[in-house]
């Protein structure tokens, strides 16, 4: 105990401890500032999104020269099956854009309350797909839901083929 008191009386040790305590508090204050800044930036982002919706009225129309339809949804697709070549399924959306859907064994395929398999998919079925984009510009499907085609979706004429 006496040795500790002797060491703490040394001026160099006191200054070293003082500097380390100051650095510690500076780091704590810096971290708190980062936390507050992150929260403020998130709020600002959400406010900007809401401003866009409120001021523009319709979220899918032009605003300041930007058309939100210029960006395709890379995490999902909605459309009619035009080609089945498992594990790939190609669907055509309302604009006639074809998207490749990759079906795996872990993909959940549902129709109403029924659980189906990839073999149950048929050309002209209307699908809603949720998944992740892959490196080949396709969508790795996590969930496929077979639904009735909406009445307001224009029918796109396409050649339908099945290759299994």
N, C-alpha and C. Protein backbone atom coordinates (compact mmCIF):
# COMPACT_ATOMS: atom_id res chain seq x y z
N UNK A 1 0.82 -1.18 0.00
CA UNK A 1 0.00 0.00 0.00
C UNK A 1 0.87 1.25 0.00
N UNK A 2 1.95 1.19 0.73
CA UNK A 2 2.87 2.31 0.82
C UNK A 2 3.52 2.58 -0.54
N UNK A 3 3.77 1.51 -1.30
CA UNK A 3 4.38 1.65 -2.62
C UNK A 3 3.44 2.39 -3.58
N UNK A 4 2.15 2.12 -3.48
CA UNK A 4 1.17 2.79 -4.35
C UNK A 4 1.12 4.27 -4.04
N UNK A 5 1.16 4.63 -2.77
CA UNK A 5 1.14 6.04 -2.38
C UNK A 5 2.40 6.75 -2.88
N UNK A 6 3.51 6.06 -2.83
CA UNK A 6 4.77 6.64 -3.31
C UNK A 6 4.70 6.87 -4.82
N UNK A 7 4.15 5.92 -5.55
CA UNK A 7 4.05 6.03 -7.01
C UNK A 7 3.09 7.16 -7.38
N UNK A 8 1.98 7.29 -6.66
CA UNK A 8 0.99 8.32 -6.97
C UNK A 8 1.49 9.73 -6.64
N UNK A 9 2.49 9.86 -5.79
CA UNK A 9 3.05 11.17 -5.46
C UNK A 9 3.94 11.70 -6.60
N UNK A 10 4.40 10.81 -7.45
CA UNK A 10 5.25 11.18 -8.58
C UNK A 10 4.46 12.05 -9.55
N UNK A 11 5.01 13.17 -9.95
CA UNK A 11 4.33 14.13 -10.83
C UNK A 11 4.08 13.54 -12.21
N UNK A 12 5.02 12.78 -12.74
CA UNK A 12 4.84 12.17 -14.06
C UNK A 12 3.67 11.18 -14.07
N UNK A 13 3.53 10.40 -13.03
CA UNK A 13 2.43 9.43 -12.94
C UNK A 13 1.10 10.18 -12.85
N UNK A 14 1.06 11.26 -12.05
CA UNK A 14 -0.18 12.04 -11.93
C UNK A 14 -0.60 12.59 -13.29
N UNK A 15 0.37 13.16 -14.02
CA UNK A 15 0.04 13.71 -15.34
C UNK A 15 -0.38 12.61 -16.32
N UNK A 16 0.25 11.46 -16.27
CA UNK A 16 -0.12 10.34 -17.15
C UNK A 16 -1.55 9.90 -16.86
N UNK A 17 -1.91 9.75 -15.60
CA UNK A 17 -3.28 9.35 -15.23
C UNK A 17 -4.26 10.44 -15.65
N UNK A 18 -3.91 11.69 -15.43
CA UNK A 18 -4.78 12.81 -15.82
C UNK A 18 -5.02 12.81 -17.33
N UNK A 19 -3.98 12.60 -18.12
CA UNK A 19 -4.11 12.57 -19.59
C UNK A 19 -4.97 11.38 -20.02
N UNK A 20 -4.75 10.22 -19.42
CA UNK A 20 -5.55 9.04 -19.78
C UNK A 20 -7.03 9.24 -19.44
N UNK A 21 -7.33 9.85 -18.31
CA UNK A 21 -8.72 10.13 -17.92
C UNK A 21 -9.34 11.12 -18.90
N UNK A 22 -8.59 12.15 -19.29
CA UNK A 22 -9.11 13.12 -20.27
C UNK A 22 -9.38 12.46 -21.62
N UNK A 23 -8.48 11.60 -22.06
CA UNK A 23 -8.69 10.88 -23.33
C UNK A 23 -9.92 10.00 -23.24
N UNK A 24 -10.10 9.32 -22.10
CA UNK A 24 -11.27 8.47 -21.92
C UNK A 24 -12.56 9.29 -22.03
N UNK A 25 -12.63 10.43 -21.32
CA UNK A 25 -13.82 11.25 -21.37
C UNK A 25 -14.03 11.85 -22.77
N UNK A 26 -12.96 12.19 -23.45
CA UNK A 26 -13.09 12.70 -24.82
C UNK A 26 -13.68 11.63 -25.74
N UNK A 27 -13.25 10.38 -25.59
CA UNK A 27 -13.79 9.29 -26.39
C UNK A 27 -15.26 9.04 -26.07
N UNK A 28 -15.63 9.12 -24.80
CA UNK A 28 -17.03 8.94 -24.41
C UNK A 28 -17.89 10.05 -25.02
N UNK A 29 -17.40 11.29 -24.97
CA UNK A 29 -18.15 12.41 -25.54
C UNK A 29 -18.25 12.26 -27.06
N UNK A 30 -17.17 11.82 -27.71
CA UNK A 30 -17.18 11.60 -29.15
C UNK A 30 -18.21 10.52 -29.53
N UNK A 31 -18.23 9.43 -28.78
CA UNK A 31 -19.19 8.35 -29.04
C UNK A 31 -20.62 8.84 -28.85
N UNK A 32 -20.86 9.63 -27.82
CA UNK A 32 -22.20 10.19 -27.60
C UNK A 32 -22.60 11.10 -28.76
N UNK A 33 -21.65 11.89 -29.25
CA UNK A 33 -21.93 12.75 -30.40
C UNK A 33 -22.26 11.95 -31.64
N UNK A 34 -21.55 10.84 -31.86
CA UNK A 34 -21.85 9.98 -33.00
C UNK A 34 -23.25 9.39 -32.87
N UNK A 35 -23.62 8.96 -31.69
CA UNK A 35 -24.93 8.38 -31.46
C UNK A 35 -26.03 9.41 -31.75
N UNK A 36 -25.88 10.60 -31.21
CA UNK A 36 -26.88 11.65 -31.42
C UNK A 36 -26.94 12.04 -32.89
N UNK A 37 -25.77 12.15 -33.54
CA UNK A 37 -25.74 12.49 -34.96
C UNK A 37 -26.42 11.43 -35.82
N UNK A 38 -26.20 10.16 -35.49
CA UNK A 38 -26.84 9.08 -36.23
C UNK A 38 -28.37 9.16 -36.09
N UNK A 39 -28.84 9.40 -34.88
CA UNK A 39 -30.28 9.52 -34.65
C UNK A 39 -30.86 10.71 -35.42
N UNK A 40 -30.15 11.84 -35.42
CA UNK A 40 -30.63 13.02 -36.13
C UNK A 40 -30.64 12.79 -37.64
N UNK A 41 -29.63 12.10 -38.15
CA UNK A 41 -29.57 11.82 -39.59
C UNK A 41 -30.71 10.89 -39.99
N UNK A 42 -31.00 9.88 -39.17
CA UNK A 42 -32.13 8.98 -39.46
C UNK A 42 -33.44 9.72 -39.46
N UNK A 43 -33.63 10.61 -38.50
CA UNK A 43 -34.85 11.40 -38.45
C UNK A 43 -34.95 12.31 -39.68
N UNK A 44 -33.85 12.92 -40.04
CA UNK A 44 -33.82 13.81 -41.20
C UNK A 44 -34.17 13.03 -42.47
N UNK A 45 -33.65 11.82 -42.60
CA UNK A 45 -33.95 10.99 -43.78
C UNK A 45 -35.43 10.67 -43.84
N UNK A 46 -36.00 10.24 -42.70
CA UNK A 46 -37.43 9.90 -42.69
C UNK A 46 -38.28 11.13 -42.96
N UNK A 47 -37.87 12.28 -42.44
CA UNK A 47 -38.61 13.52 -42.70
C UNK A 47 -38.57 13.85 -44.18
N UNK A 48 -37.42 13.67 -44.82
CA UNK A 48 -37.30 13.92 -46.25
C UNK A 48 -38.20 13.02 -47.06
N UNK A 49 -38.28 11.76 -46.69
CA UNK A 49 -39.17 10.83 -47.39
C UNK A 49 -40.63 11.24 -47.23
N UNK A 50 -41.00 11.60 -46.01
CA UNK A 50 -42.38 12.03 -45.78
C UNK A 50 -42.68 13.34 -46.51
N UNK A 51 -41.72 14.24 -46.56
CA UNK A 51 -41.90 15.49 -47.30
C UNK A 51 -42.18 15.19 -48.76
N UNK A 52 -41.43 14.25 -49.33
CA UNK A 52 -41.64 13.87 -50.73
C UNK A 52 -43.07 13.38 -50.93
N UNK A 53 -43.54 12.52 -50.04
CA UNK A 53 -44.89 11.97 -50.19
C UNK A 53 -45.96 13.04 -49.99
N UNK A 54 -45.76 13.90 -48.98
CA UNK A 54 -46.78 14.91 -48.68
C UNK A 54 -46.84 16.01 -49.74
N UNK A 55 -45.70 16.47 -50.20
CA UNK A 55 -45.67 17.57 -51.14
C UNK A 55 -46.00 17.13 -52.56
N UNK A 56 -45.67 15.92 -52.90
CA UNK A 56 -45.87 15.45 -54.25
C UNK A 56 -47.21 14.75 -54.42
N UNK A 57 -47.76 14.24 -53.36
CA UNK A 57 -49.06 13.59 -53.45
C UNK A 57 -48.96 12.11 -53.76
N UNK A 58 -48.44 11.76 -54.91
CA UNK A 58 -48.36 10.36 -55.30
C UNK A 58 -46.90 9.93 -55.26
N UNK A 59 -46.61 8.84 -54.57
CA UNK A 59 -45.22 8.44 -54.41
C UNK A 59 -44.57 7.95 -55.70
N UNK A 60 -45.34 7.57 -56.72
CA UNK A 60 -44.75 7.01 -57.93
C UNK A 60 -44.72 7.98 -59.09
N UNK A 61 -44.90 9.26 -58.85
CA UNK A 61 -44.87 10.21 -59.95
C UNK A 61 -43.58 11.04 -59.90
N UNK A 62 -43.44 11.98 -60.81
CA UNK A 62 -42.23 12.78 -60.90
C UNK A 62 -42.14 13.79 -59.76
N UNK A 63 -40.95 13.99 -59.29
CA UNK A 63 -40.67 15.01 -58.29
C UNK A 63 -39.27 15.51 -58.53
N UNK A 64 -39.14 16.77 -58.79
CA UNK A 64 -37.85 17.40 -59.05
C UNK A 64 -37.08 16.67 -60.14
N UNK A 65 -37.77 16.21 -61.18
CA UNK A 65 -37.12 15.57 -62.31
C UNK A 65 -36.77 14.11 -62.12
N UNK A 66 -37.15 13.55 -60.98
CA UNK A 66 -36.83 12.14 -60.70
C UNK A 66 -38.11 11.34 -60.81
N UNK A 67 -38.07 10.27 -61.59
CA UNK A 67 -39.20 9.37 -61.70
C UNK A 67 -38.89 8.12 -60.89
N UNK A 68 -39.69 7.88 -59.87
CA UNK A 68 -39.43 6.73 -58.99
C UNK A 68 -39.56 5.41 -59.73
N UNK A 69 -40.22 5.39 -60.88
CA UNK A 69 -40.35 4.17 -61.65
C UNK A 69 -39.08 3.84 -62.43
N UNK A 70 -38.10 4.75 -62.43
CA UNK A 70 -36.85 4.49 -63.12
C UNK A 70 -36.03 3.43 -62.41
N UNK A 71 -36.33 3.17 -61.15
CA UNK A 71 -35.59 2.19 -60.37
C UNK A 71 -36.42 0.91 -60.26
N UNK A 72 -35.84 -0.22 -60.68
CA UNK A 72 -36.57 -1.48 -60.56
C UNK A 72 -36.41 -2.04 -59.17
N UNK A 73 -37.37 -2.81 -58.74
CA UNK A 73 -37.34 -3.42 -57.42
C UNK A 73 -36.46 -4.66 -57.50
N UNK A 74 -35.32 -4.64 -56.86
CA UNK A 74 -34.39 -5.76 -56.93
C UNK A 74 -34.66 -6.82 -55.88
N UNK A 75 -35.56 -6.56 -54.94
CA UNK A 75 -35.84 -7.51 -53.87
C UNK A 75 -37.17 -8.21 -54.04
N UNK A 76 -37.79 -8.06 -55.19
CA UNK A 76 -39.06 -8.72 -55.40
C UNK A 76 -39.59 -8.47 -56.79
N UNK A 77 -40.68 -9.14 -57.10
CA UNK A 77 -41.30 -8.98 -58.41
C UNK A 77 -42.76 -9.40 -58.31
N UNK A 78 -43.54 -8.81 -59.20
CA UNK A 78 -44.95 -9.17 -59.31
C UNK A 78 -45.24 -9.33 -60.78
N UNK A 79 -45.77 -10.47 -61.16
CA UNK A 79 -46.09 -10.66 -62.56
C UNK A 79 -46.52 -12.07 -62.89
N UNK A 80 -46.65 -12.31 -64.19
CA UNK A 80 -47.15 -13.57 -64.71
C UNK A 80 -45.98 -14.43 -65.20
N UNK A 81 -46.03 -15.72 -64.91
CA UNK A 81 -44.98 -16.64 -65.35
C UNK A 81 -45.07 -16.77 -66.88
N UNK A 82 -43.91 -16.58 -67.54
CA UNK A 82 -43.89 -16.80 -68.99
C UNK A 82 -43.02 -17.99 -69.37
N UNK A 83 -42.05 -18.34 -68.51
CA UNK A 83 -41.20 -19.49 -68.79
C UNK A 83 -40.81 -20.15 -67.48
N UNK A 84 -40.83 -21.47 -67.48
CA UNK A 84 -40.37 -22.24 -66.33
C UNK A 84 -39.27 -23.16 -66.81
N UNK A 85 -38.09 -23.02 -66.24
CA UNK A 85 -36.95 -23.90 -66.49
C UNK A 85 -36.23 -24.04 -65.16
N UNK A 86 -36.81 -24.87 -64.28
CA UNK A 86 -36.33 -24.94 -62.89
C UNK A 86 -34.84 -25.17 -62.82
N UNK A 87 -34.17 -24.45 -61.97
CA UNK A 87 -34.65 -23.66 -60.86
C UNK A 87 -35.03 -22.22 -61.23
N UNK A 88 -34.98 -21.88 -62.51
CA UNK A 88 -35.32 -20.52 -62.93
C UNK A 88 -36.76 -20.43 -63.38
N UNK A 89 -37.39 -19.32 -63.00
CA UNK A 89 -38.74 -18.99 -63.46
C UNK A 89 -38.66 -17.56 -63.95
N UNK A 90 -39.15 -17.30 -65.15
CA UNK A 90 -39.14 -15.95 -65.70
C UNK A 90 -40.56 -15.42 -65.67
N UNK A 91 -40.70 -14.23 -65.06
CA UNK A 91 -42.02 -13.61 -65.01
C UNK A 91 -41.97 -12.28 -65.75
N UNK A 92 -43.13 -11.85 -66.23
CA UNK A 92 -43.27 -10.57 -66.91
C UNK A 92 -44.18 -9.70 -66.07
N UNK A 93 -43.69 -8.48 -65.74
CA UNK A 93 -44.50 -7.59 -64.92
C UNK A 93 -45.44 -6.75 -65.78
N UNK A 94 -46.13 -5.80 -65.16
CA UNK A 94 -47.14 -5.01 -65.87
C UNK A 94 -46.56 -4.18 -67.00
N UNK A 95 -45.26 -3.86 -66.92
CA UNK A 95 -44.61 -3.09 -67.98
C UNK A 95 -43.95 -3.97 -69.02
N UNK A 96 -44.08 -5.28 -68.88
CA UNK A 96 -43.48 -6.21 -69.83
C UNK A 96 -42.02 -6.49 -69.56
N UNK A 97 -41.50 -6.06 -68.41
CA UNK A 97 -40.11 -6.32 -68.05
C UNK A 97 -40.02 -7.73 -67.50
N UNK A 98 -39.10 -8.50 -68.05
CA UNK A 98 -38.93 -9.89 -67.61
C UNK A 98 -37.91 -9.95 -66.49
N UNK A 99 -38.26 -10.69 -65.44
CA UNK A 99 -37.36 -10.87 -64.31
C UNK A 99 -37.15 -12.35 -64.09
N UNK A 100 -35.90 -12.71 -63.82
CA UNK A 100 -35.55 -14.10 -63.56
C UNK A 100 -35.63 -14.36 -62.06
N UNK A 101 -36.40 -15.34 -61.68
CA UNK A 101 -36.58 -15.74 -60.29
C UNK A 101 -35.90 -17.09 -60.11
N UNK A 102 -35.03 -17.20 -59.11
CA UNK A 102 -34.35 -18.45 -58.82
C UNK A 102 -35.05 -19.10 -57.62
N UNK A 103 -35.56 -20.30 -57.85
CA UNK A 103 -36.28 -21.05 -56.82
C UNK A 103 -35.33 -22.09 -56.23
N UNK A 104 -35.22 -22.12 -54.91
CA UNK A 104 -34.37 -23.12 -54.24
C UNK A 104 -35.23 -24.01 -53.36
N UNK A 105 -34.60 -24.96 -52.74
CA UNK A 105 -35.35 -25.86 -51.85
C UNK A 105 -35.84 -25.13 -50.60
N UNK A 106 -35.20 -24.03 -50.25
CA UNK A 106 -35.63 -23.27 -49.07
C UNK A 106 -36.70 -22.23 -49.40
N UNK A 107 -37.06 -22.08 -50.67
CA UNK A 107 -38.08 -21.11 -51.06
C UNK A 107 -39.45 -21.60 -50.61
N UNK A 108 -40.18 -20.73 -49.93
CA UNK A 108 -41.54 -21.05 -49.51
C UNK A 108 -42.50 -20.64 -50.62
N UNK A 109 -43.26 -21.58 -51.13
CA UNK A 109 -44.23 -21.31 -52.20
C UNK A 109 -45.61 -21.54 -51.62
N UNK A 110 -46.44 -20.49 -51.65
CA UNK A 110 -47.76 -20.54 -51.02
C UNK A 110 -48.84 -20.14 -52.01
N UNK A 111 -49.99 -20.77 -51.88
CA UNK A 111 -51.21 -20.36 -52.58
C UNK A 111 -52.32 -20.44 -51.55
N UNK A 112 -52.86 -19.28 -51.21
CA UNK A 112 -53.80 -19.16 -50.09
C UNK A 112 -53.14 -19.73 -48.84
N UNK A 113 -53.71 -20.76 -48.23
CA UNK A 113 -53.11 -21.37 -47.03
C UNK A 113 -52.26 -22.58 -47.36
N UNK A 114 -52.23 -22.98 -48.63
CA UNK A 114 -51.55 -24.20 -49.03
C UNK A 114 -50.07 -23.98 -49.30
N UNK A 115 -49.25 -24.89 -48.81
CA UNK A 115 -47.82 -24.90 -49.10
C UNK A 115 -47.61 -25.74 -50.35
N UNK A 116 -46.94 -25.20 -51.37
CA UNK A 116 -46.72 -25.89 -52.63
C UNK A 116 -45.24 -26.12 -52.87
N UNK A 117 -44.92 -26.81 -53.97
CA UNK A 117 -43.53 -27.00 -54.37
C UNK A 117 -43.30 -26.30 -55.71
N UNK A 118 -42.05 -26.24 -56.14
CA UNK A 118 -41.72 -25.59 -57.41
C UNK A 118 -42.37 -26.32 -58.58
N UNK A 119 -42.59 -27.61 -58.45
CA UNK A 119 -43.23 -28.38 -59.52
C UNK A 119 -44.69 -27.98 -59.73
N UNK A 120 -45.30 -27.34 -58.74
CA UNK A 120 -46.69 -26.92 -58.84
C UNK A 120 -46.86 -25.61 -59.62
N UNK A 121 -45.76 -24.91 -59.90
CA UNK A 121 -45.85 -23.66 -60.66
C UNK A 121 -46.20 -23.95 -62.11
N UNK A 122 -47.05 -23.09 -62.69
CA UNK A 122 -47.48 -23.28 -64.08
C UNK A 122 -47.35 -21.96 -64.83
N UNK A 123 -47.13 -22.07 -66.13
CA UNK A 123 -47.09 -20.88 -66.98
C UNK A 123 -48.44 -20.18 -66.86
N UNK A 124 -48.42 -18.85 -66.85
CA UNK A 124 -49.57 -17.96 -66.70
C UNK A 124 -50.04 -17.82 -65.26
N UNK A 125 -49.39 -18.50 -64.29
CA UNK A 125 -49.69 -18.21 -62.88
C UNK A 125 -49.22 -16.80 -62.58
N UNK A 126 -49.95 -16.10 -61.73
CA UNK A 126 -49.57 -14.76 -61.32
C UNK A 126 -48.88 -14.86 -59.97
N UNK A 127 -47.64 -14.32 -59.87
CA UNK A 127 -46.83 -14.47 -58.67
C UNK A 127 -46.49 -13.13 -58.03
N UNK A 128 -46.34 -13.18 -56.72
CA UNK A 128 -45.69 -12.13 -55.97
C UNK A 128 -44.48 -12.77 -55.33
N UNK A 129 -43.29 -12.22 -55.61
CA UNK A 129 -42.03 -12.82 -55.17
C UNK A 129 -41.30 -11.85 -54.26
N UNK A 130 -40.77 -12.37 -53.17
CA UNK A 130 -39.92 -11.60 -52.27
C UNK A 130 -38.62 -12.38 -52.13
N UNK A 131 -37.49 -11.68 -52.29
CA UNK A 131 -36.20 -12.35 -52.20
C UNK A 131 -35.06 -11.38 -52.14
N UNK A 132 -33.90 -11.84 -52.59
CA UNK A 132 -32.69 -11.04 -52.58
C UNK A 132 -32.09 -11.01 -53.97
N UNK A 133 -31.51 -9.86 -54.38
CA UNK A 133 -30.87 -9.81 -55.69
C UNK A 133 -29.61 -10.67 -55.69
N UNK A 134 -29.30 -11.27 -56.85
CA UNK A 134 -28.07 -12.04 -56.95
C UNK A 134 -27.15 -11.39 -57.97
N UNK A 135 -25.97 -11.96 -58.17
CA UNK A 135 -24.95 -11.38 -59.04
C UNK A 135 -25.33 -11.45 -60.52
N UNK A 136 -26.30 -12.26 -60.88
CA UNK A 136 -26.70 -12.43 -62.28
C UNK A 136 -27.94 -11.61 -62.62
N UNK A 137 -28.25 -10.59 -61.85
CA UNK A 137 -29.42 -9.72 -62.05
C UNK A 137 -30.73 -10.48 -61.91
N UNK A 138 -30.71 -11.56 -61.18
CA UNK A 138 -31.92 -12.30 -60.88
C UNK A 138 -32.31 -12.07 -59.43
N UNK A 139 -33.38 -12.74 -59.02
CA UNK A 139 -33.86 -12.64 -57.65
C UNK A 139 -33.87 -14.04 -57.04
N UNK A 140 -33.12 -14.24 -55.96
CA UNK A 140 -33.15 -15.49 -55.23
C UNK A 140 -34.39 -15.46 -54.34
N UNK A 141 -35.40 -16.22 -54.71
CA UNK A 141 -36.70 -16.15 -54.04
C UNK A 141 -36.64 -16.74 -52.64
N UNK A 142 -37.21 -16.02 -51.69
CA UNK A 142 -37.40 -16.52 -50.32
C UNK A 142 -38.86 -16.92 -50.13
N UNK A 143 -39.77 -16.14 -50.73
CA UNK A 143 -41.20 -16.40 -50.64
C UNK A 143 -41.83 -16.15 -52.01
N UNK A 144 -42.61 -17.11 -52.48
CA UNK A 144 -43.40 -16.95 -53.70
C UNK A 144 -44.85 -17.20 -53.32
N UNK A 145 -45.69 -16.25 -53.65
CA UNK A 145 -47.11 -16.40 -53.39
C UNK A 145 -47.85 -16.38 -54.72
N UNK A 146 -48.61 -17.45 -54.99
CA UNK A 146 -49.43 -17.53 -56.20
C UNK A 146 -50.75 -16.86 -55.89
N UNK A 147 -51.12 -15.89 -56.74
CA UNK A 147 -52.31 -15.09 -56.48
C UNK A 147 -53.15 -15.00 -57.75
N UNK A 148 -54.42 -14.63 -57.61
CA UNK A 148 -55.21 -14.35 -58.81
C UNK A 148 -54.67 -13.09 -59.48
N UNK A 149 -54.66 -13.07 -60.83
CA UNK A 149 -54.17 -11.90 -61.55
C UNK A 149 -55.08 -10.72 -61.28
N UNK A 150 -54.52 -9.53 -61.05
CA UNK A 150 -55.37 -8.36 -60.83
C UNK A 150 -56.10 -7.97 -62.11
N UNK A 151 -57.29 -7.42 -61.95
CA UNK A 151 -58.11 -7.08 -63.10
C UNK A 151 -57.53 -5.91 -63.89
N UNK A 152 -56.76 -5.02 -63.24
CA UNK A 152 -56.26 -3.84 -63.93
C UNK A 152 -54.88 -4.04 -64.56
N UNK A 153 -54.31 -5.25 -64.50
CA UNK A 153 -53.00 -5.49 -65.11
C UNK A 153 -53.18 -5.83 -66.57
N UNK A 154 -52.56 -5.09 -67.48
CA UNK A 154 -52.69 -5.41 -68.89
C UNK A 154 -52.05 -6.75 -69.20
N UNK A 155 -52.64 -7.46 -70.12
CA UNK A 155 -52.11 -8.77 -70.51
C UNK A 155 -51.04 -8.55 -71.56
N UNK A 156 -49.86 -9.04 -71.29
CA UNK A 156 -48.73 -8.93 -72.22
C UNK A 156 -48.68 -10.24 -73.01
N UNK A 157 -48.72 -10.15 -74.31
CA UNK A 157 -48.61 -11.36 -75.14
C UNK A 157 -47.17 -11.80 -75.15
N UNK A 158 -46.95 -13.04 -74.81
CA UNK A 158 -45.60 -13.60 -74.84
C UNK A 158 -45.69 -15.07 -75.16
N UNK A 159 -44.59 -15.61 -75.64
CA UNK A 159 -44.54 -17.03 -75.95
C UNK A 159 -44.26 -17.76 -74.66
N UNK A 160 -45.12 -18.68 -74.31
CA UNK A 160 -44.97 -19.43 -73.07
C UNK A 160 -44.38 -20.78 -73.36
N UNK A 161 -43.33 -21.14 -72.63
CA UNK A 161 -42.71 -22.44 -72.78
C UNK A 161 -42.46 -23.04 -71.42
N UNK A 162 -42.46 -24.35 -71.39
CA UNK A 162 -42.13 -25.07 -70.17
C UNK A 162 -40.99 -26.03 -70.51
N UNK A 163 -39.90 -25.91 -69.79
CA UNK A 163 -38.76 -26.83 -69.95
C UNK A 163 -38.39 -27.33 -68.57
N UNK A 164 -38.66 -28.56 -68.31
CA UNK A 164 -38.30 -29.13 -66.99
C UNK A 164 -37.27 -30.19 -67.17
